[in-house]
Amino acid sequence: MSNIIVYANNADGTDISVINPAPGTAGKALQDLINETAATKFGVHVSSADSLPDVPSQLLGCLKMNVDLKVVGADLERAKEIWKDEWRAARAPLLAQLDVEYIRALESNDSARMSEIVSQKQALRDVTDTPINAFSAHDIVKVWPAILNG
């Protein structure tokens, strides 16, 4: 279990940041990092990394949290776009594999297979048009199009 430094960027505590002591901080005591952060931030304290909300790390920046790391809101549209970027990353190797299969079908003059592959590739391209009907970051990550499972 690692420690993180939590602080607010503004006095009303509505813009929260988290520092996970990272490269460049090696050799510095946690207290030194806290003191450096406290000079310009509000409500600086140490918390357990386990206290972060249980969502993929890519979506943490979309959450609005208080200094106790309780979620008080979220930029859901941004979270949905970030999640669709995850879909795009999962789609890339599938498209690459279909490219190889298409060339093989072309070499063997298998027009039925080529047509099937064209349809599969189009379905993969269209995957990001899938609506995400979710009202929290926890619900957003539950939406995963089956076609991306390979």
Foldseek 3Di string as FASTA:
>chain_A
DAKKKKFAQDDVQFRIDIGRDDPPCPPPDPVVVQVVVVVRTHPIDMDDPVQADPFPPLQSNQFGAGRSNDTPGGPVVVLLVSVVVVLVVLLVVVLVVLVVVLVVCVVVVVVVSNVVSVVLNVCSVCVSVDDQPDDDSVSSNVDDDPSSVD
